[in-house]
Amino acid sequence: MPNDPQWGKKDNEGPPDLDEILRKLQQKISALLGFRPRGPTQPPAGPNHYGAAMGGGLAVVILLVVAVWLASGFYIVDEGKRGVVLRFGKYLETTMPGARWHVPYPVEGVQVVDIASVRPVEVGYRGTPKNPQPKEALMLTDDENIVDVQFAVQYNIKNPEDYLFNNKDPDENVRQAAESSIREVVGKSKMDFVLSAGRTEVGADVKHLMQQILDRYKTGIQVLSVNMQNTQAPDPVLPAFEDVQRAKQDRERFKNEGQAYANDVVPRARGVAARLLEEANGYRQSMIANAQGDAARFKQILAEYERAPAVTRERMYLDAMQHILSSTSKVVVDTKGAGGQSLLYLPLDKLMQLSAAQSTTAPVTVPETTVRPAPQQDTTTSSSSASSDITSRRESLRSRDRETR
């Protein structure tokens, strides 16, 4: 041995003595354990002595091996993990985070399971949506259209025992459950719903259905989220599908524009209609009030007429003439002139304007051309006869009025 001082000096000799080697090893072990080695004055050891030394060294080795074997049973479970202890391959218990010990191999074993980490699974693509998997992504909708659906599933472990013993490939199990669920949900939905407004609802339905499938098989997996990455028509028909979508968008835009125009026109039309109705109602009320007033006035006139018919007729005639002549120009014409010609000799309309102007402003002279004097005889005769006729009528009316009163 290299540590033997006589190793390199023994030339031309055979192999080292085995008893010598064991003796030296025993001495080293005894020195380590605190036993005093034998000195050179002590008698040489016999065969029984060597046997006892060999037995003591073997016991020490066995004790060391046992100590190391027992120490190998210590293990530490980190936070967010669980330790599953197996005894001869059968489930024994699940340990919580901290320092733990179990009977070492081959009696017991432990598998530490990470239950806090989130594991992703991609369905319909791998790595990026630009790397599609058509066998997983293409599916049929309820209205018999083909859509390309890509989504990602995130899950963690809720039961370490079921996760270890009921899953050969957990990611593949999750992928198959997700594919089965998405095909069922999409198969019951319309294409427009899947591609536009229903993406969130589809994701929620897939998550619920996936959890039911995984719980039924006792996989110990908890589905955290289902994220829809891409939903579109298949690439061969994508241009036609985009044309259809643009047409639908144009239809919605035209509908919105029409609705906006209707929202602008209809209220104004309703306002005009309401105004016309109010005007009609006002006109009706006015006509009714006027008719009622005329009827009441007629009744009063009728009562007066029954008392004094002649006076009432004369008064009605004068009132009517006053009402008519007050808004017209009055002209006096002499029908008895020489030669039977009508002669305009009093411009009463000009005189009325003159009188009105004199009452408001300075005096205004009447042009000479507006007055044509008639013969003295005709004017005097006609004016005197007219004045006498009017005076007689007024006197008769006054006398009749007194009699009726």
Protein backbone atom coordinates (compact mmCIF):
# COMPACT_ATOMS: atom_id res chain seq x y z
CA MET A 1 0.00 0.00 0.00
CA PRO A 2 1.30 3.56 -0.58
CA ASN A 3 1.01 4.43 3.16
CA ASP A 4 3.20 1.49 4.18
CA PRO A 5 6.82 2.67 4.77
CA GLN A 6 8.18 -0.68 3.67
CA TRP A 7 6.17 -0.81 0.49
CA GLY A 8 8.80 0.39 -1.93
CA LYS A 9 11.76 -1.42 -0.21
CA LYS A 10 10.60 -4.98 -0.59
CA ASP A 11 12.11 -5.88 -3.92
CA ASN A 12 11.95 -9.30 -5.41
CA GLU A 13 9.30 -10.40 -2.88
CA GLY A 14 5.78 -11.72 -3.31
CA PRO A 15 2.51 -9.95 -2.63
CA PRO A 16 1.97 -8.34 0.80
CA ASP A 17 0.75 -10.47 3.66
CA LEU A 18 -3.05 -10.25 4.10
CA ASP A 19 -2.83 -10.69 7.84
CA GLU A 20 -0.51 -7.72 8.06
CA ILE A 21 -2.87 -5.56 6.10
CA LEU A 22 -5.86 -6.50 8.30
CA ARG A 23 -3.81 -5.88 11.42
CA LYS A 24 -2.87 -2.40 10.32
CA LEU A 25 -6.47 -1.63 9.36
CA GLN A 26 -7.62 -2.83 12.79
CA GLN A 27 -5.08 -0.60 14.48
CA LYS A 28 -6.30 2.44 12.55
CA ILE A 29 -9.94 1.74 13.38
CA SER A 30 -9.05 1.15 17.06
CA ALA A 31 -7.18 4.45 17.10
CA LEU A 32 -10.20 6.20 15.65
CA LEU A 33 -12.53 4.61 18.23
CA GLY A 34 -10.17 5.33 21.19
CA PHE A 35 -8.79 1.79 21.77
CA ARG A 36 -5.12 1.55 22.78
CA PRO A 37 -3.11 -0.48 20.31
CA ARG A 38 -0.79 -3.19 21.53
CA GLY A 39 2.83 -2.24 22.09
CA PRO A 40 5.89 -4.15 20.88
CA THR A 41 6.44 -5.76 24.35
CA GLN A 42 3.04 -7.37 24.35
CA PRO A 43 2.86 -10.95 23.30
CA PRO A 44 1.86 -11.57 19.76
CA ALA A 45 -1.76 -12.04 19.12
CA GLY A 46 -3.07 -15.46 18.44
CA PRO A 47 -5.73 -16.59 16.01
CA ASN A 48 -8.54 -15.93 18.48
CA HIS A 49 -7.33 -12.40 18.97
CA TYR A 50 -7.39 -11.71 15.27
CA GLY A 51 -10.91 -13.12 14.99
CA ALA A 52 -12.17 -10.87 17.77
CA ALA A 53 -10.56 -7.87 16.12
CA MET A 54 -12.16 -8.71 12.81
CA GLY A 55 -15.56 -9.05 14.49
CA GLY A 56 -15.22 -5.70 16.24
CA GLY A 57 -14.23 -3.92 13.02
CA LEU A 58 -17.13 -5.45 11.11
CA ALA A 59 -19.56 -4.33 13.78
CA VAL A 60 -18.25 -0.81 13.54
CA VAL A 61 -18.62 -0.85 9.78
CA ILE A 62 -22.14 -2.19 10.09
CA LEU A 63 -23.02 0.52 12.58
CA LEU A 64 -21.67 3.15 10.24
CA VAL A 65 -23.61 1.75 7.32
CA VAL A 66 -26.80 1.63 9.39
CA ALA A 67 -26.28 5.21 10.53
CA VAL A 68 -25.79 6.39 6.97
CA TRP A 69 -28.81 4.39 5.83
CA LEU A 70 -31.01 5.90 8.55
CA ALA A 71 -29.70 9.39 7.79
CA SER A 72 -30.72 8.97 4.17
CA GLY A 73 -34.37 8.98 5.30
CA PHE A 74 -34.34 12.69 6.10
CA TYR A 75 -35.84 14.99 3.45
CA ILE A 76 -37.18 18.56 3.22
CA VAL A 77 -40.47 19.59 1.61
CA ASP A 78 -40.40 23.18 0.35
CA GLU A 79 -43.29 25.62 0.53
CA GLY A 80 -45.83 25.05 -2.22
CA LYS A 81 -44.98 21.36 -2.45
CA ARG A 82 -46.17 18.10 -0.91
CA GLY A 83 -44.29 14.89 -0.08
CA VAL A 84 -45.99 11.61 -1.03
CA VAL A 85 -44.55 8.74 1.03
CA LEU A 86 -44.69 5.20 -0.42
CA ARG A 87 -44.05 2.00 1.52
CA PHE A 88 -43.03 -0.83 -0.76
CA GLY A 89 -44.63 1.11 -3.62
CA LYS A 90 -47.99 1.62 -1.85
CA TYR A 91 -49.26 5.05 -0.82
CA LEU A 92 -48.72 5.70 2.88
CA GLU A 93 -49.20 9.41 3.58
CA THR A 94 -48.78 12.97 2.29
CA THR A 95 -46.45 15.24 4.24
CA MET A 96 -46.65 19.01 4.51
CA PRO A 97 -43.78 21.51 4.00
CA GLY A 98 -40.87 21.22 6.44
CA ALA A 99 -38.12 18.77 7.51
CA ARG A 100 -39.39 15.17 7.42
CA TRP A 101 -38.10 11.61 7.85
CA HIS A 102 -39.19 8.27 6.44
CA VAL A 103 -37.82 4.76 6.56
CA PRO A 104 -35.09 4.74 3.94
CA TYR A 105 -35.03 2.82 0.72
CA PRO A 106 -36.01 0.12 -0.07
CA VAL A 107 -38.68 0.10 2.63
CA GLU A 108 -40.14 3.53 1.93
CA GLY A 109 -39.71 6.21 -0.69
CA VAL A 110 -40.92 9.77 -1.13
CA GLN A 111 -41.87 11.81 -4.18
CA VAL A 112 -42.11 15.59 -3.82
CA VAL A 113 -44.91 17.10 -5.92
CA ASP A 114 -45.06 20.82 -6.80
CA ILE A 115 -48.69 21.89 -6.39
CA ALA A 116 -48.20 25.66 -6.64
CA SER A 117 -46.61 26.03 -10.07
CA VAL A 118 -48.82 26.74 -13.08
CA ARG A 119 -48.39 24.42 -16.05
CA PRO A 120 -49.42 25.51 -19.57
CA VAL A 121 -50.83 23.29 -22.31
CA GLU A 122 -51.29 24.52 -25.90
CA VAL A 123 -54.12 23.22 -28.08
CA GLY A 124 -54.22 23.88 -31.81
CA TYR A 125 -50.67 25.23 -31.99
CA ARG A 126 -47.21 24.74 -30.53
CA GLY A 127 -45.12 27.61 -29.25
CA THR A 128 -46.71 30.33 -31.38
CA PRO A 129 -50.04 30.66 -33.24
CA LYS A 130 -48.03 30.75 -36.47
CA ASN A 131 -47.20 27.08 -35.90
CA PRO A 132 -50.70 25.57 -36.12
CA GLN A 133 -51.75 21.97 -35.56
CA PRO A 134 -54.67 21.46 -37.98
CA LYS A 135 -55.73 18.14 -36.47
CA GLU A 136 -56.41 19.89 -33.17
CA ALA A 137 -57.51 23.33 -34.40
CA LEU A 138 -60.06 22.57 -37.15
CA MET A 139 -63.58 21.83 -35.92
CA LEU A 140 -67.19 22.00 -37.11
CA THR A 141 -69.79 24.48 -35.80
CA ASP A 142 -73.51 24.01 -35.36
CA ASP A 143 -74.29 25.75 -38.68
CA GLU A 144 -71.90 23.38 -40.50
CA ASN A 145 -69.00 25.78 -40.91
CA ILE A 146 -65.35 24.95 -40.26
CA VAL A 147 -63.40 27.20 -37.89
CA ASP A 148 -59.78 27.26 -36.75
CA VAL A 149 -59.58 27.57 -32.95
CA GLN A 150 -56.32 27.92 -30.98
CA PHE A 151 -56.25 28.29 -27.22
CA ALA A 152 -54.04 27.74 -24.18
CA VAL A 153 -54.91 25.99 -20.92
CA GLN A 154 -53.26 26.69 -17.56
CA TYR A 155 -53.56 24.20 -14.70
CA ASN A 156 -52.00 23.17 -11.41
CA ILE A 157 -52.26 20.19 -9.03
CA LYS A 158 -54.95 20.02 -6.39
CA ASN A 159 -54.48 16.38 -5.28
CA PRO A 160 -50.88 15.03 -5.29
CA GLU A 161 -51.92 11.39 -4.78
CA ASP A 162 -54.32 11.32 -7.76
CA TYR A 163 -51.81 13.26 -9.85
CA LEU A 164 -49.08 10.64 -9.24
CA PHE A 165 -51.08 7.43 -9.48
CA ASN A 166 -53.80 8.25 -12.05
CA ASN A 167 -51.76 10.05 -14.72
CA LYS A 168 -49.25 8.56 -17.10
CA ASP A 169 -48.81 11.83 -19.06
CA PRO A 170 -50.64 14.74 -17.34
CA ASP A 171 -50.07 17.26 -20.14
CA GLU A 172 -51.43 14.88 -22.74
CA ASN A 173 -54.46 14.13 -20.55
CA VAL A 174 -55.17 17.85 -20.21
CA ARG A 175 -54.73 18.37 -23.96
CA GLN A 176 -57.14 15.57 -24.83
CA ALA A 177 -59.73 16.80 -22.32
CA ALA A 178 -59.40 20.34 -23.70
CA GLU A 179 -59.77 19.20 -27.31
CA SER A 180 -62.83 17.11 -26.47
CA SER A 181 -64.42 20.00 -24.55
CA ILE A 182 -63.77 22.65 -27.22
CA ARG A 183 -65.21 20.42 -29.94
CA GLU A 184 -68.37 19.89 -27.92
CA VAL A 185 -68.81 23.60 -27.17
CA VAL A 186 -68.06 24.74 -30.73
CA GLY A 187 -70.31 22.01 -32.15
CA LYS A 188 -73.25 23.53 -30.26
CA SER A 189 -72.51 27.15 -31.28
CA LYS A 190 -72.86 29.22 -34.44
CA MET A 191 -69.80 30.32 -36.37
CA ASP A 192 -70.43 34.05 -35.85
CA PHE A 193 -70.80 33.47 -32.12
CA VAL A 194 -67.49 31.57 -31.90
CA LEU A 195 -65.54 34.06 -34.00
CA SER A 196 -66.79 37.32 -32.47
CA ALA A 197 -68.90 37.97 -29.42
CA GLY A 198 -68.85 34.50 -27.86
CA ARG A 199 -65.12 33.95 -27.39
CA THR A 200 -65.22 34.68 -23.66
CA GLU A 201 -68.29 32.52 -23.14
CA VAL A 202 -66.77 29.69 -25.15
CA GLY A 203 -63.63 29.81 -22.98
CA ALA A 204 -65.69 29.66 -19.79
CA ASP A 205 -67.76 26.72 -21.06
CA VAL A 206 -64.62 24.82 -22.10
CA LYS A 207 -63.04 25.36 -18.67
CA HIS A 208 -66.15 24.05 -16.88
CA LEU A 209 -66.45 21.00 -19.12
CA MET A 210 -62.72 20.22 -18.86
CA GLN A 211 -62.86 20.26 -15.08
CA GLN A 212 -65.78 17.85 -15.11
CA ILE A 213 -63.87 15.42 -17.36
CA LEU A 214 -60.65 15.59 -15.31
CA ASP A 215 -62.53 15.12 -12.03
CA ARG A 216 -64.39 12.15 -13.46
CA TYR A 217 -61.06 10.43 -14.17
CA LYS A 218 -59.59 11.53 -10.79
CA THR A 219 -56.53 13.16 -12.30
CA GLY A 220 -55.98 15.54 -9.38
CA ILE A 221 -55.67 18.48 -11.80
CA GLN A 222 -57.26 21.90 -11.32
CA VAL A 223 -57.94 23.96 -14.50
CA LEU A 224 -57.12 27.60 -13.83
CA SER A 225 -57.92 29.33 -17.14
CA VAL A 226 -58.69 28.79 -20.80
CA ASN A 227 -57.36 31.60 -23.01
CA MET A 228 -58.59 31.83 -26.60
CA GLN A 229 -55.56 32.77 -28.68
CA ASN A 230 -56.96 32.79 -32.21
CA THR A 231 -60.33 32.01 -33.77
CA GLN A 232 -60.73 32.38 -37.52
CA ALA A 233 -61.82 30.66 -40.66
CA PRO A 234 -59.44 28.13 -42.22
CA ASP A 235 -56.70 29.60 -44.39
CA PRO A 236 -58.08 28.29 -47.75
CA VAL A 237 -61.37 30.16 -47.30
CA LEU A 238 -60.05 33.11 -45.31
CA PRO A 239 -60.38 35.73 -48.14
CA ALA A 240 -64.02 34.82 -48.78
CA PHE A 241 -64.70 34.86 -45.07
CA GLU A 242 -63.16 38.32 -44.74
CA ASP A 243 -65.41 39.56 -47.57
CA VAL A 244 -68.43 38.22 -45.74
CA GLN A 245 -67.32 39.91 -42.54
CA ARG A 246 -66.82 43.23 -44.31
CA ALA A 247 -70.28 42.94 -45.85
CA LYS A 248 -71.76 42.31 -42.41
CA GLN A 249 -69.91 45.31 -41.04
CA ASP A 250 -71.23 47.46 -43.88
CA ARG A 251 -74.73 46.21 -43.16
CA GLU A 252 -74.40 47.15 -39.51
CA ARG A 253 -73.00 50.55 -40.47
CA PHE A 254 -75.89 51.25 -42.82
CA LYS A 255 -78.35 50.15 -40.17
CA ASN A 256 -76.75 52.49 -37.67
CA GLU A 257 -76.80 55.37 -40.13
CA GLY A 258 -80.47 54.72 -40.92
CA GLN A 259 -81.27 54.54 -37.24
CA ALA A 260 -79.45 57.81 -36.64
CA TYR A 261 -81.41 59.47 -39.47
CA ALA A 262 -84.65 58.09 -38.06
CA ASN A 263 -83.73 59.34 -34.61
CA ASP A 264 -83.28 62.79 -36.14
CA VAL A 265 -86.36 62.91 -38.38
CA VAL A 266 -88.97 61.09 -36.31
CA PRO A 267 -88.81 63.41 -33.27
CA ARG A 268 -89.09 66.47 -35.49
CA ALA A 269 -92.04 64.96 -37.36
CA ARG A 270 -93.68 64.13 -34.06
CA GLY A 271 -93.10 67.70 -32.90
CA VAL A 272 -94.67 69.10 -36.08
CA ALA A 273 -97.60 66.71 -35.72
CA ALA A 274 -98.07 67.74 -32.10
CA ARG A 275 -97.95 71.42 -33.09
CA LEU A 276 -100.53 70.89 -35.85
CA LEU A 277 -102.76 69.04 -33.42
CA GLU A 278 -102.51 71.86 -30.92
CA GLU A 279 -103.24 74.44 -33.63
CA ALA A 280 -106.22 72.40 -34.78
CA ASN A 281 -107.48 72.11 -31.23
CA GLY A 282 -107.04 75.85 -30.79
CA TYR A 283 -108.85 76.58 -34.04
CA ARG A 284 -111.66 74.25 -33.02
CA GLN A 285 -112.02 75.93 -29.67
CA SER A 286 -111.98 79.33 -31.37
CA MET A 287 -114.64 78.31 -33.87
CA ILE A 288 -116.78 76.81 -31.12
CA ALA A 289 -116.46 79.96 -29.01
CA ASN A 290 -117.23 82.20 -31.99
CA ALA A 291 -120.23 80.07 -32.91
CA GLN A 292 -121.49 80.08 -29.36
CA GLY A 293 -121.01 83.86 -29.21
CA ASP A 294 -122.81 84.34 -32.54
CA ALA A 295 -125.61 82.09 -31.33
CA ALA A 296 -125.92 84.03 -28.08
CA ARG A 297 -125.86 87.35 -29.98
CA PHE A 298 -128.48 86.04 -32.41
CA LYS A 299 -130.71 85.00 -29.53
CA GLN A 300 -130.43 88.47 -28.04
CA ILE A 301 -131.20 90.09 -31.41
CA LEU A 302 -134.12 87.73 -31.86
CA ALA A 303 -135.55 88.78 -28.52
CA GLU A 304 -135.21 92.43 -29.44
CA TYR A 305 -136.66 91.76 -32.90
CA GLU A 306 -139.72 90.12 -31.40
CA ARG A 307 -140.28 93.22 -29.30
CA ALA A 308 -139.75 95.82 -32.08
CA PRO A 309 -139.21 94.28 -35.52
CA ALA A 310 -139.02 97.55 -37.48
CA VAL A 311 -136.60 99.21 -35.12
CA THR A 312 -134.44 96.12 -34.97
CA ARG A 313 -134.34 95.82 -38.75
CA GLU A 314 -133.42 99.47 -39.09
CA ARG A 315 -130.68 99.19 -36.48
CA MET A 316 -129.30 96.06 -38.05
CA TYR A 317 -129.27 97.78 -41.41
CA LEU A 318 -127.45 100.80 -40.05
CA ASP A 319 -124.95 98.64 -38.20
CA ALA A 320 -124.27 96.59 -41.32
CA MET A 321 -123.81 99.71 -43.44
CA GLN A 322 -121.52 101.23 -40.82
CA HIS A 323 -119.47 98.03 -40.72
CA ILE A 324 -119.22 97.85 -44.50
CA LEU A 325 -118.61 101.51 -45.24
CA SER A 326 -116.03 101.91 -42.47
CA SER A 327 -113.54 99.87 -44.48
CA THR A 328 -114.25 101.31 -47.93
CA SER A 329 -113.78 104.62 -49.71
CA LYS A 330 -117.01 106.60 -50.03
CA VAL A 331 -117.83 108.54 -53.19
CA VAL A 332 -120.91 110.70 -53.77
CA VAL A 333 -122.21 110.57 -57.32
CA ASP A 334 -124.90 112.82 -58.76
CA THR A 335 -127.12 110.70 -60.98
CA LYS A 336 -129.37 113.64 -61.89
CA GLY A 337 -126.76 115.80 -63.60
CA ALA A 338 -127.14 117.38 -66.99
CA GLY A 339 -126.98 114.89 -69.79
CA GLY A 340 -127.34 111.92 -67.47
CA GLN A 341 -123.60 111.81 -66.75
CA SER A 342 -122.22 110.88 -63.37
CA LEU A 343 -120.23 113.72 -61.86
CA LEU A 344 -117.69 113.23 -59.06
CA TYR A 345 -117.88 116.37 -56.98
CA LEU A 346 -116.84 115.33 -53.45
CA PRO A 347 -113.63 113.26 -53.03
CA LEU A 348 -114.63 111.95 -49.60
CA ASP A 349 -111.71 109.55 -49.39
CA LYS A 350 -109.28 112.41 -49.88
CA LEU A 351 -111.17 114.47 -47.36
CA MET A 352 -110.94 111.65 -44.80
CA GLN A 353 -107.22 111.34 -45.36
CA LEU A 354 -106.94 115.10 -45.05
CA SER A 355 -108.85 115.15 -41.79
CA ALA A 356 -106.71 112.33 -40.39
CA ALA A 357 -103.52 114.10 -41.44
CA GLN A 358 -104.72 117.38 -39.91
CA SER A 359 -105.47 115.67 -36.59
CA THR A 360 -101.88 114.32 -36.37
CA THR A 361 -99.71 116.81 -38.32
CA ALA A 362 -99.84 120.32 -39.76
CA PRO A 363 -102.67 121.41 -42.07
CA VAL A 364 -102.46 120.00 -45.59
CA THR A 365 -104.00 121.77 -48.56
CA VAL A 366 -106.21 119.80 -50.88
CA PRO A 367 -105.21 119.93 -54.55
CA GLU A 368 -107.55 121.83 -56.72
CA THR A 369 -107.77 119.01 -59.23
CA THR A 370 -109.45 116.73 -56.65
CA VAL A 371 -112.62 118.89 -56.36
CA ARG A 372 -114.95 119.47 -59.23
CA PRO A 373 -117.80 121.86 -58.27
CA ALA A 374 -121.20 120.91 -59.61
CA PRO A 375 -123.87 123.38 -60.73
CA GLN A 376 -125.20 125.42 -57.84
CA GLN A 377 -128.77 124.37 -58.33
CA ASP A 378 -128.11 120.62 -58.40
CA THR A 379 -125.81 120.69 -55.40
CA THR A 380 -128.21 122.64 -53.23
CA THR A 381 -131.15 120.52 -54.21
CA SER A 382 -129.43 117.22 -53.73
CA SER A 383 -127.78 118.14 -50.43
CA SER A 384 -130.97 119.57 -48.96
CA SER A 385 -133.04 116.56 -50.01
CA ALA A 386 -130.48 114.13 -48.64
CA SER A 387 -130.18 115.95 -45.32
CA SER A 388 -133.94 116.12 -44.89
CA ASP A 389 -134.31 112.42 -45.64
CA ILE A 390 -131.66 111.42 -43.11
CA THR A 391 -133.16 113.72 -40.46
CA SER A 392 -136.62 112.25 -40.91
CA ARG A 393 -135.32 108.71 -40.62
CA ARG A 394 -133.42 109.47 -37.43
CA GLU A 395 -136.48 111.07 -35.86
CA SER A 396 -138.67 108.09 -36.73
CA LEU A 397 -136.12 105.68 -35.25
CA ARG A 398 -135.87 107.69 -32.04
CA SER A 399 -139.68 107.77 -31.65
CA ARG A 400 -139.95 104.02 -32.20
CA ASP A 401 -137.21 103.41 -29.71
CA ARG A 402 -139.01 105.47 -27.10
CA GLU A 403 -142.24 103.52 -27.73
CA THR A 404 -140.53 100.17 -27.32
CA ARG A 405 -138.94 101.25 -24.06
